[in-house]
Amino acid sequence: MKQLLILMIVSLLAGCSTSSDESAERLTEEAVTLTSPDSDNAELRRSLSLLNEAIDLDEEYVPAKKQRVRVLVRLGKLDEAAEEARSVADLTGSPQDYFFQCMAGEASKREYGGRDDCYREAARRYELQLDKPATDVNYVLTLKLAGSNRFEKAADEFLGSLPAGASRELFAPLLRQSDRDQIINDIFFSSY
């Protein structure tokens, strides 16, 4: 009888418990619902609070951390967004996350001393991960922001890999005419 009671209690407790991942996921999903393009600052602050809770439960829960970057950018807290973006890049090792971390650092500090080195490292990560990195627009933009002498060749290769017409017309001005501030505004801020 005692064993049966213990088994029932353990079963009941197992059914009631949730892992921190599930809770972090639920909190993140709720936070996302509060961050529409027309969310006000109160909704964004509530979203940030939920994301902080999710990260407290699981400090390596990348979806919460990425959403936190978005909310911090929307709230104008660019230094904090840059720190969180760096944390995401460290956790994932993704070239794209590293690229966004570079842009976040630059957006938060216009006099970002190590920016070229950051973009060069992002480009290196793309080259290690992708068979043909020049077919990825973010890689090409990384080269441009790094001031790399490989940018022109990569831009030509990227544009040549696109089907003729609208795709080339869309990307050519971004690659050829945009300056550093336009790229940061068009790519980084519009992503968040």
Protein backbone atom coordinates (compact mmCIF):
# COMPACT_ATOMS: atom_id res chain seq x y z
CA MET A 1 0.00 0.00 0.00
CA LYS A 2 2.81 2.39 0.93
CA GLN A 3 4.53 1.68 -2.42
CA LEU A 4 1.30 2.33 -4.27
CA LEU A 5 0.86 5.66 -2.46
CA ILE A 6 4.45 6.67 -3.29
CA LEU A 7 3.93 5.68 -6.93
CA MET A 8 0.73 7.76 -7.10
CA ILE A 9 2.43 10.81 -5.55
CA VAL A 10 5.41 10.53 -7.92
CA SER A 11 3.05 10.17 -10.89
CA LEU A 12 1.01 13.15 -9.75
CA LEU A 13 4.09 15.30 -9.23
CA ALA A 14 5.53 14.28 -12.61
CA GLY A 15 2.29 15.30 -14.31
CA CYS A 16 2.26 18.68 -12.56
CA SER A 17 5.85 19.65 -13.13
CA THR A 18 7.04 21.42 -16.21
CA SER A 19 10.61 21.77 -17.29
CA SER A 20 12.20 25.20 -17.32
CA ASP A 21 12.43 24.93 -21.13
CA GLU A 22 8.64 24.61 -21.39
CA SER A 23 8.13 27.54 -19.04
CA ALA A 24 10.73 29.63 -20.85
CA GLU A 25 9.02 28.73 -24.12
CA ARG A 26 5.58 29.68 -22.80
CA LEU A 27 6.84 33.01 -21.41
CA THR A 28 8.60 33.77 -24.70
CA GLU A 29 5.47 33.00 -26.72
CA GLU A 30 3.46 35.31 -24.49
CA ALA A 31 6.11 38.03 -24.86
CA VAL A 32 6.00 37.71 -28.65
CA THR A 33 2.25 38.34 -28.67
CA LEU A 34 2.89 41.70 -26.99
CA THR A 35 5.35 42.92 -29.62
CA SER A 36 3.42 43.80 -32.72
CA PRO A 37 4.62 46.70 -34.89
CA ASP A 38 2.11 49.00 -33.19
CA SER A 39 2.86 47.92 -29.60
CA ASP A 40 3.19 50.77 -27.15
CA ASN A 41 5.98 51.13 -24.60
CA ALA A 42 3.89 49.56 -21.82
CA GLU A 43 3.38 46.41 -23.91
CA LEU A 44 7.06 46.34 -24.82
CA ARG A 45 8.08 46.72 -21.17
CA ARG A 46 5.71 43.87 -20.19
CA SER A 47 7.19 41.77 -23.00
CA LEU A 48 10.69 42.54 -21.73
CA SER A 49 9.67 41.49 -18.23
CA LEU A 50 8.36 38.15 -19.52
CA LEU A 51 11.53 37.59 -21.51
CA ASN A 52 13.66 38.35 -18.47
CA GLU A 53 11.67 35.73 -16.56
CA ALA A 54 12.17 33.21 -19.36
CA ILE A 55 15.91 33.84 -19.40
CA ASP A 56 16.04 33.56 -15.61
CA LEU A 57 14.53 30.09 -16.01
CA ASP A 58 16.88 29.09 -18.83
CA GLU A 59 19.75 31.45 -19.51
CA GLU A 60 20.58 29.66 -22.77
CA TYR A 61 17.08 29.76 -24.28
CA VAL A 62 17.99 31.41 -27.57
CA PRO A 63 14.46 32.32 -28.76
CA ALA A 64 13.92 34.38 -25.59
CA LYS A 65 17.29 36.06 -25.97
CA LYS A 66 16.67 36.91 -29.64
CA GLN A 67 13.24 38.32 -28.82
CA ARG A 68 14.80 40.29 -25.98
CA VAL A 69 17.18 41.92 -28.49
CA ARG A 70 14.17 42.92 -30.63
CA VAL A 71 12.33 44.43 -27.68
CA LEU A 72 15.39 46.27 -26.39
CA VAL A 73 15.95 47.79 -29.85
CA ARG A 74 12.30 48.87 -30.02
CA LEU A 75 12.66 50.48 -26.59
CA GLY A 76 15.80 52.30 -27.72
CA LYS A 77 18.05 50.43 -25.26
CA LEU A 78 20.76 49.81 -27.82
CA ASP A 79 23.64 49.12 -25.41
CA GLU A 80 21.65 46.36 -23.72
CA ALA A 81 20.53 45.04 -27.12
CA ALA A 82 24.17 44.86 -28.24
CA GLU A 83 25.14 42.92 -25.10
CA GLU A 84 22.29 40.45 -25.59
CA ALA A 85 23.07 40.09 -29.31
CA ARG A 86 26.66 39.24 -28.35
CA SER A 87 25.34 36.62 -25.93
CA VAL A 88 23.16 35.09 -28.68
CA ALA A 89 26.10 34.97 -31.10
CA ASP A 90 28.27 33.29 -28.46
CA LEU A 91 25.57 30.70 -27.75
CA THR A 92 24.70 29.81 -31.34
CA GLY A 93 27.98 30.33 -33.15
CA SER A 94 25.85 31.27 -36.16
CA PRO A 95 27.49 33.60 -38.69
CA GLN A 96 24.20 35.49 -39.06
CA ASP A 97 23.90 35.98 -35.31
CA TYR A 98 27.51 37.16 -35.25
CA PHE A 99 26.79 39.59 -38.12
CA PHE A 100 23.76 40.97 -36.25
CA GLN A 101 25.88 41.29 -33.11
CA CYS A 102 28.33 43.43 -35.08
CA MET A 103 25.51 45.65 -36.34
CA ALA A 104 24.04 45.89 -32.82
CA GLY A 105 27.41 46.98 -31.48
CA GLU A 106 27.72 49.57 -34.21
CA ALA A 107 24.16 50.82 -33.72
CA SER A 108 24.73 51.27 -29.99
CA LYS A 109 28.08 53.04 -30.35
CA ARG A 110 28.55 54.95 -33.57
CA GLU A 111 32.27 55.15 -32.72
CA TYR A 112 32.52 51.35 -32.46
CA GLY A 113 36.29 50.81 -32.45
CA GLY A 114 36.43 47.12 -33.31
CA ARG A 115 33.71 47.13 -35.93
CA ASP A 116 35.87 46.14 -38.92
CA ASP A 117 37.39 43.27 -36.95
CA CYS A 118 33.91 42.16 -35.88
CA TYR A 119 32.67 42.11 -39.48
CA ARG A 120 35.83 40.32 -40.65
CA GLU A 121 35.18 37.63 -38.04
CA ALA A 122 31.55 37.34 -39.18
CA ALA A 123 32.75 36.92 -42.78
CA ARG A 124 35.21 34.22 -41.67
CA ARG A 125 32.36 32.38 -39.94
CA TYR A 126 30.24 32.52 -43.11
CA GLU A 127 33.17 31.17 -45.12
CA LEU A 128 33.63 28.27 -42.71
CA GLN A 129 29.93 27.37 -42.67
CA LEU A 130 28.80 27.89 -46.27
CA ASP A 131 30.03 26.17 -49.41
CA LYS A 132 29.33 29.29 -51.47
CA PRO A 133 29.18 32.22 -49.04
CA ALA A 134 28.89 34.79 -51.84
CA THR A 135 25.37 33.50 -52.54
CA ASP A 136 24.27 34.85 -49.12
CA VAL A 137 23.47 38.57 -49.09
CA ASN A 138 24.40 38.88 -45.42
CA TYR A 139 27.89 37.58 -46.17
CA VAL A 140 28.28 40.13 -48.95
CA LEU A 141 27.05 42.92 -46.67
CA THR A 142 29.46 41.71 -44.00
CA LEU A 143 32.32 42.17 -46.47
CA LYS A 144 31.08 45.64 -47.36
CA LEU A 145 30.83 46.71 -43.73
CA ALA A 146 34.29 45.23 -43.04
CA GLY A 147 35.72 47.34 -45.86
CA SER A 148 37.02 44.15 -47.48
CA ASN A 149 38.69 44.24 -50.88
CA ARG A 150 36.72 41.03 -51.61
CA PHE A 151 33.39 42.87 -51.52
CA GLU A 152 33.14 43.79 -55.24
CA LYS A 153 33.82 40.26 -56.43
CA ALA A 154 31.39 38.79 -53.89
CA ALA A 155 28.71 41.35 -54.82
CA ASP A 156 29.09 40.46 -58.51
CA GLU A 157 28.88 36.75 -57.67
CA PHE A 158 25.81 37.27 -55.48
CA LEU A 159 23.97 39.37 -58.06
CA GLY A 160 24.93 36.86 -60.77
CA SER A 161 23.42 34.03 -58.72
CA LEU A 162 20.01 35.72 -58.67
CA PRO A 163 17.38 35.23 -61.35
CA ALA A 164 17.26 38.18 -63.71
CA GLY A 165 14.77 40.92 -63.05
CA ALA A 166 13.22 42.00 -59.79
CA SER A 167 15.65 40.20 -57.46
CA ARG A 168 18.68 41.88 -58.98
CA GLU A 169 16.91 45.22 -59.06
CA LEU A 170 16.08 44.85 -55.37
CA PHE A 171 19.56 43.89 -54.17
CA ALA A 172 21.83 45.90 -56.49
CA PRO A 173 21.09 49.28 -54.86
CA LEU A 174 21.51 47.81 -51.37
CA LEU A 175 24.92 46.44 -52.29
CA ARG A 176 26.19 49.15 -54.61
CA GLN A 177 24.68 52.42 -53.39
CA SER A 178 23.93 52.02 -49.70
CA ASP A 179 26.32 53.53 -47.23
CA ARG A 180 27.10 52.13 -43.80
CA ASP A 181 24.27 53.97 -41.99
CA GLN A 182 21.72 52.92 -44.62
CA ILE A 183 22.72 49.27 -44.24
CA ILE A 184 22.50 49.41 -40.45
CA ASN A 185 19.11 51.11 -40.68
CA ASP A 186 17.73 48.92 -43.46
CA ILE A 187 19.01 45.57 -42.23
CA PHE A 188 19.50 45.79 -38.48
CA PHE A 189 16.69 48.08 -37.38
CA SER A 190 14.15 46.69 -39.83
CA SER A 191 14.89 43.18 -38.57
CA TYR A 192 13.83 44.24 -35.12
